[in-house]
Amino acid sequence: MTSNYLTLKEFCELTRISTSTAYRMIKNKTLPATKLHGGRYWKIPADFLPTYNIDTGRIERYDT
């Protein structure tokens, strides 16, 4: 079963950013994260991952 969300840990491993940077991005609303069903863990939409540019550290949207 494929999940539509990544855990914060998975996102950090894939993008090679620290968890403190990810939490800062969540706080600044540059990382669209949510807590599902009143959970205590942050989840990041899986479709957000391709838009993150590791070289610039910025989110790039390529809407077609």
PDB file of N, CA and C in Angstrom:
ATOM      1  N   MET A   1       0.850  -1.184   0.000  1.00  0.00           N
ATOM      2  CA  MET A   1       0.000   0.000   0.000  1.00  0.00           C
ATOM      3  C   MET A   1       0.893   1.244   0.000  1.00  0.00           C
ATOM      4  N   THR A   2       0.640   2.153  -0.906  1.00  0.00           N
ATOM      5  CA  THR A   2       1.410   3.375  -1.015  1.00  0.00           C
ATOM      6  C   THR A   2       0.730   4.477  -0.220  1.00  0.00           C
ATOM      7  N   SER A   3       1.522   5.157   0.590  1.00  0.00           N
ATOM      8  CA  SER A   3       0.989   6.244   1.401  1.00  0.00           C
ATOM      9  C   SER A   3       1.040   7.545   0.612  1.00  0.00           C
ATOM     10  N   ASN A   4       0.084   8.411   0.847  1.00  0.00           N
ATOM     11  CA  ASN A   4       0.071   9.723   0.210  1.00  0.00           C
ATOM     12  C   ASN A   4       0.875  10.738   1.000  1.00  0.00           C
ATOM     13  N   TYR A   5       1.445  10.307   2.108  1.00  0.00           N
ATOM     14  CA  TYR A   5       2.199  11.204   2.978  1.00  0.00           C
ATOM     15  C   TYR A   5       3.541  10.582   3.352  1.00  0.00           C
ATOM     16  N   LEU A   6       4.509  11.451   3.604  1.00  0.00           N
ATOM     17  CA  LEU A   6       5.800  11.044   4.137  1.00  0.00           C
ATOM     18  C   LEU A   6       5.869  11.482   5.588  1.00  0.00           C
ATOM     19  N   THR A   7       6.578  10.718   6.386  1.00  0.00           N
ATOM     20  CA  THR A   7       6.831  11.188   7.743  1.00  0.00           C
ATOM     21  C   THR A   7       7.890  12.274   7.663  1.00  0.00           C
ATOM     22  N   LEU A   8       8.008  13.042   8.705  1.00  0.00           N
ATOM     23  CA  LEU A   8       9.019  14.092   8.734  1.00  0.00           C
ATOM     24  C   LEU A   8      10.415  13.474   8.596  1.00  0.00           C
ATOM     25  N   LYS A   9      10.619  12.340   9.243  1.00  0.00           N
ATOM     26  CA  LYS A   9      11.909  11.650   9.160  1.00  0.00           C
ATOM     27  C   LYS A   9      12.212  11.215   7.732  1.00  0.00           C
ATOM     28  N   GLU A  10      11.228  10.638   7.045  1.00  0.00           N
ATOM     29  CA  GLU A  10      11.428  10.223   5.651  1.00  0.00           C
ATOM     30  C   GLU A  10      11.756  11.418   4.768  1.00  0.00           C
ATOM     31  N   PHE A  11      11.013  12.519   4.945  1.00  0.00           N
ATOM     32  CA  PHE A  11      11.262  13.725   4.158  1.00  0.00           C
ATOM     33  C   PHE A  11      12.684  14.225   4.381  1.00  0.00           C
ATOM     34  N   CYS A  12      13.115  14.254   5.626  1.00  0.00           N
ATOM     35  CA  CYS A  12      14.460  14.739   5.950  1.00  0.00           C
ATOM     36  C   CYS A  12      15.540  13.840   5.356  1.00  0.00           C
ATOM     37  N   GLU A  13      15.323  12.549   5.380  1.00  0.00           N
ATOM     38  CA  GLU A  13      16.296  11.623   4.795  1.00  0.00           C
ATOM     39  C   GLU A  13      16.375  11.785   3.278  1.00  0.00           C
ATOM     40  N   LEU A  14      15.237  11.955   2.634  1.00  0.00           N
ATOM     41  CA  LEU A  14      15.216  12.075   1.177  1.00  0.00           C
ATOM     42  C   LEU A  14      15.783  13.404   0.688  1.00  0.00           C
ATOM     43  N   THR A  15      15.552  14.454   1.439  1.00  0.00           N
ATOM     44  CA  THR A  15      16.016  15.779   1.016  1.00  0.00           C
ATOM     45  C   THR A  15      17.352  16.154   1.653  1.00  0.00           C
ATOM     46  N   ARG A  16      17.797  15.350   2.578  1.00  0.00           N
ATOM     47  CA  ARG A  16      19.068  15.580   3.286  1.00  0.00           C
ATOM     48  C   ARG A  16      19.086  16.917   4.030  1.00  0.00           C
ATOM     49  N   ILE A  17      17.966  17.227   4.676  1.00  0.00           N
ATOM     50  CA  ILE A  17      17.926  18.397   5.553  1.00  0.00           C
ATOM     51  C   ILE A  17      17.742  17.910   6.982  1.00  0.00           C
ATOM     52  N   SER A  18      18.111  18.721   7.925  1.00  0.00           N
ATOM     53  CA  SER A  18      17.978  18.322   9.328  1.00  0.00           C
ATOM     54  C   SER A  18      16.527  18.466   9.777  1.00  0.00           C
ATOM     55  N   THR A  19      16.203  17.768  10.845  1.00  0.00           N
ATOM     56  CA  THR A  19      14.836  17.880  11.368  1.00  0.00           C
ATOM     57  C   THR A  19      14.574  19.282  11.908  1.00  0.00           C
ATOM     58  N   SER A  20      15.605  19.923  12.471  1.00  0.00           N
ATOM     59  CA  SER A  20      15.396  21.285  12.971  1.00  0.00           C
ATOM     60  C   SER A  20      15.083  22.242  11.815  1.00  0.00           C
ATOM     61  N   THR A  21      15.708  22.035  10.663  1.00  0.00           N
ATOM     62  CA  THR A  21      15.396  22.851   9.484  1.00  0.00           C
ATOM     63  C   THR A  21      13.973  22.570   9.020  1.00  0.00           C
ATOM     64  N   ALA A  22      13.571  21.310   9.020  1.00  0.00           N
ATOM     65  CA  ALA A  22      12.208  20.950   8.607  1.00  0.00           C
ATOM     66  C   ALA A  22      11.182  21.573   9.547  1.00  0.00           C
ATOM     67  N   TYR A  23      11.435  21.525  10.850  1.00  0.00           N
ATOM     68  CA  TYR A  23      10.510  22.148  11.798  1.00  0.00           C
ATOM     69  C   TYR A  23      10.436  23.658  11.581  1.00  0.00           C
ATOM     70  N   ARG A  24      11.552  24.276  11.280  1.00  0.00           N
ATOM     71  CA  ARG A  24      11.562  25.713  10.990  1.00  0.00           C
ATOM     72  C   ARG A  24      10.751  26.002   9.723  1.00  0.00           C
ATOM     73  N   MET A  25      10.882  25.149   8.710  1.00  0.00           N
ATOM     74  CA  MET A  25      10.118  25.320   7.471  1.00  0.00           C
ATOM     75  C   MET A  25       8.621  25.170   7.734  1.00  0.00           C
ATOM     76  N   ILE A  26       8.254  24.241   8.610  1.00  0.00           N
ATOM     77  CA  ILE A  26       6.843  24.073   8.975  1.00  0.00           C
ATOM     78  C   ILE A  26       6.343  25.330   9.678  1.00  0.00           C
ATOM     79  N   LYS A  27       7.141  25.831  10.617  1.00  0.00           N
ATOM     80  CA  LYS A  27       6.753  27.036  11.365  1.00  0.00           C
ATOM     81  C   LYS A  27       6.595  28.243  10.442  1.00  0.00           C
ATOM     82  N   ASN A  28       7.488  28.360   9.440  1.00  0.00           N
ATOM     83  CA  ASN A  28       7.433  29.475   8.499  1.00  0.00           C
ATOM     84  C   ASN A  28       6.439  29.248   7.360  1.00  0.00           C
ATOM     85  N   LYS A  29       5.775  28.104   7.393  1.00  0.00           N
ATOM     86  CA  LYS A  29       4.773  27.731   6.388  1.00  0.00           C
ATOM     87  C   LYS A  29       5.363  27.587   4.986  1.00  0.00           C
ATOM     88  N   THR A  30       6.641  27.194   4.904  1.00  0.00           N
ATOM     89  CA  THR A  30       7.235  26.903   3.602  1.00  0.00           C
ATOM     90  C   THR A  30       7.230  25.401   3.329  1.00  0.00           C
ATOM     91  N   LEU A  31       6.906  24.625   4.340  1.00  0.00           N
ATOM     92  CA  LEU A  31       6.761  23.177   4.180  1.00  0.00           C
ATOM     93  C   LEU A  31       5.334  22.816   4.554  1.00  0.00           C
ATOM     94  N   PRO A  32       4.545  22.335   3.582  1.00  0.00           N
ATOM     95  CA  PRO A  32       3.138  22.022   3.866  1.00  0.00           C
ATOM     96  C   PRO A  32       3.023  20.719   4.647  1.00  0.00           C
ATOM     97  N   ALA A  33       2.952  20.825   5.932  1.00  0.00           N
ATOM     98  CA  ALA A  33       2.856  19.650   6.791  1.00  0.00           C
ATOM     99  C   ALA A  33       1.561  19.700   7.586  1.00  0.00           C
ATOM    100  N   THR A  34       1.103  18.537   7.970  1.00  0.00           N
ATOM    101  CA  THR A  34      -0.134  18.452   8.734  1.00  0.00           C
ATOM    102  C   THR A  34      -0.037  17.297   9.713  1.00  0.00           C
ATOM    103  N   LYS A  35      -0.876  17.338  10.702  1.00  0.00           N
ATOM    104  CA  LYS A  35      -0.998  16.225  11.641  1.00  0.00           C
ATOM    105  C   LYS A  35      -2.331  15.570  11.343  1.00  0.00           C
ATOM    106  N   LEU A  36      -2.296  14.324  10.935  1.00  0.00           N
ATOM    107  CA  LEU A  36      -3.505  13.624  10.521  1.00  0.00           C
ATOM    108  C   LEU A  36      -4.261  13.026  11.704  1.00  0.00           C
ATOM    109  N   HIS A  37      -5.570  13.142  11.671  1.00  0.00           N
ATOM    110  CA  HIS A  37      -6.462  12.525  12.645  1.00  0.00           C
ATOM    111  C   HIS A  37      -6.046  12.816  14.083  1.00  0.00           C
ATOM    112  N   GLY A  38      -5.670  14.047  14.347  1.00  0.00           N
ATOM    113  CA  GLY A  38      -5.286  14.428  15.700  1.00  0.00           C
ATOM    114  C   GLY A  38      -3.998  13.789  16.162  1.00  0.00           C
ATOM    115  N   GLY A  39      -3.221  13.312  15.218  1.00  0.00           N
ATOM    116  CA  GLY A  39      -1.963  12.643  15.545  1.00  0.00           C
ATOM    117  C   GLY A  39      -0.928  13.592  16.102  1.00  0.00           C
ATOM    118  N   ARG A  40       0.159  13.033  16.557  1.00  0.00           N
ATOM    119  CA  ARG A  40       1.197  13.875  17.122  1.00  0.00           C
ATOM    120  C   ARG A  40       2.411  13.992  16.221  1.00  0.00           C
ATOM    121  N   TYR A  41       2.381  13.336  15.063  1.00  0.00           N
ATOM    122  CA  TYR A  41       3.510  13.368  14.152  1.00  0.00           C
ATOM    123  C   TYR A  41       3.168  14.150  12.888  1.00  0.00           C
ATOM    124  N   TRP A  42       4.114  14.944  12.420  1.00  0.00           N
ATOM    125  CA  TRP A  42       3.917  15.714  11.200  1.00  0.00           C
ATOM    126  C   TRP A  42       3.991  14.808   9.990  1.00  0.00           C
ATOM    127  N   LYS A  43       3.135  15.064   9.014  1.00  0.00           N
ATOM    128  CA  LYS A  43       3.120  14.343   7.746  1.00  0.00           C
ATOM    129  C   LYS A  43       3.248  15.357   6.617  1.00  0.00           C
ATOM    130  N   ILE A  44       4.034  15.005   5.607  1.00  0.00           N
ATOM    131  CA  ILE A  44       4.249  15.881   4.455  1.00  0.00           C
ATOM    132  C   ILE A  44       3.647  15.195   3.233  1.00  0.00           C
ATOM    133  N   PRO A  45       2.852  15.897   2.442  1.00  0.00           N
ATOM    134  CA  PRO A  45       2.277  15.281   1.244  1.00  0.00           C
ATOM    135  C   PRO A  45       3.381  14.739   0.329  1.00  0.00           C
ATOM    136  N   ALA A  46       3.237  13.504  -0.120  1.00  0.00           N
ATOM    137  CA  ALA A  46       4.256  12.861  -0.957  1.00  0.00           C
ATOM    138  C   ALA A  46       4.457  13.596  -2.274  1.00  0.00           C
ATOM    139  N   ASP A  47       3.424  14.214  -2.800  1.00  0.00           N
ATOM    140  CA  ASP A  47       3.567  14.928  -4.070  1.00  0.00           C
ATOM    141  C   ASP A  47       4.334  16.242  -3.916  1.00  0.00           C
ATOM    142  N   PHE A  48       4.629  16.649  -2.687  1.00  0.00           N
ATOM    143  CA  PHE A  48       5.422  17.843  -2.452  1.00  0.00           C
ATOM    144  C   PHE A  48       6.905  17.595  -2.694  1.00  0.00           C
ATOM    145  N   LEU A  49       7.350  16.374  -2.495  1.00  0.00           N
ATOM    146  CA  LEU A  49       8.768  16.043  -2.577  1.00  0.00           C
ATOM    147  C   LEU A  49       9.433  16.440  -3.882  1.00  0.00           C
ATOM    148  N   PRO A  50       8.867  16.182  -5.049  1.00  0.00           N
ATOM    149  CA  PRO A  50       9.565  16.561  -6.289  1.00  0.00           C
ATOM    150  C   PRO A  50       9.739  18.061  -6.473  1.00  0.00           C
ATOM    151  N   THR A  51       9.029  18.868  -5.720  1.00  0.00           N
ATOM    152  CA  THR A  51       9.132  20.307  -5.898  1.00  0.00           C
ATOM    153  C   THR A  51      10.215  20.930  -5.033  1.00  0.00           C
ATOM    154  N   TYR A  52      10.830  20.136  -4.159  1.00  0.00           N
ATOM    155  CA  TYR A  52      11.869  20.672  -3.279  1.00  0.00           C
ATOM    156  C   TYR A  52      13.215  20.561  -3.985  1.00  0.00           C
ATOM    157  N   ASN A  53      13.917  21.680  -4.137  1.00  0.00           N
ATOM    158  CA  ASN A  53      15.225  21.706  -4.794  1.00  0.00           C
ATOM    159  C   ASN A  53      16.302  21.700  -3.720  1.00  0.00           C
ATOM    160  N   ILE A  54      17.012  20.579  -3.618  1.00  0.00           N
ATOM    161  CA  ILE A  54      18.018  20.426  -2.571  1.00  0.00           C
ATOM    162  C   ILE A  54      19.186  21.385  -2.760  1.00  0.00           C
ATOM    163  N   ASP A  55      19.496  21.756  -4.004  1.00  0.00           N
ATOM    164  CA  ASP A  55      20.630  22.649  -4.268  1.00  0.00           C
ATOM    165  C   ASP A  55      20.375  24.074  -3.772  1.00  0.00           C
ATOM    166  N   THR A  56      19.167  24.556  -3.973  1.00  0.00           N
ATOM    167  CA  THR A  56      18.853  25.917  -3.563  1.00  0.00           C
ATOM    168  C   THR A  56      18.183  25.976  -2.189  1.00  0.00           C
ATOM    169  N   GLY A  57      17.664  24.829  -1.725  1.00  0.00           N
ATOM    170  CA  GLY A  57      16.940  24.814  -0.458  1.00  0.00           C
ATOM    171  C   GLY A  57      15.599  25.480  -0.562  1.00  0.00           C
ATOM    172  N   ARG A  58      15.099  25.597  -1.778  1.00  0.00           N
ATOM    173  CA  ARG A  58      13.826  26.270  -2.023  1.00  0.00           C
ATOM    174  C   ARG A  58      12.829  25.329  -2.672  1.00  0.00           C
ATOM    175  N   ILE A  59      11.590  25.693  -2.556  1.00  0.00           N
ATOM    176  CA  ILE A  59      10.512  24.942  -3.155  1.00  0.00           C
ATOM    177  C   ILE A  59      10.235  25.518  -4.531  1.00  0.00           C
ATOM    178  N   GLU A  60      10.233  24.651  -5.525  1.00  0.00           N
ATOM    179  CA  GLU A  60       9.989  25.094  -6.889  1.00  0.00           C
ATOM    180  C   GLU A  60       8.776  24.367  -7.440  1.00  0.00           C
ATOM    181  N   ARG A  61       7.834  25.111  -7.887  1.00  0.00           N
ATOM    182  CA  ARG A  61       6.602  24.532  -8.440  1.00  0.00           C
ATOM    183  C   ARG A  61       6.689  24.563  -9.966  1.00  0.00           C
ATOM    184  N   TYR A  62       6.411  23.461 -10.567  1.00  0.00           N
ATOM    185  CA  TYR A  62       6.396  23.370 -12.023  1.00  0.00           C
ATOM    186  C   TYR A  62       4.990  22.989 -12.464  1.00  0.00           C
ATOM    187  N   ASP A  63       4.084  23.903 -12.344  1.00  0.00           N
ATOM    188  CA  ASP A  63       2.694  23.655 -12.741  1.00  0.00           C
ATOM    189  C   ASP A  63       2.582  23.653 -14.257  1.00  0.00           C
ATOM    190  N   THR A  64       1.903  22.648 -14.765  1.00  0.00           N
ATOM    191  CA  THR A  64       1.697  22.567 -16.209  1.00  0.00           C
ATOM    192  C   THR A  64       0.279  22.866 -16.581  1.00  0.00           C
TER     193      THR A  64
END
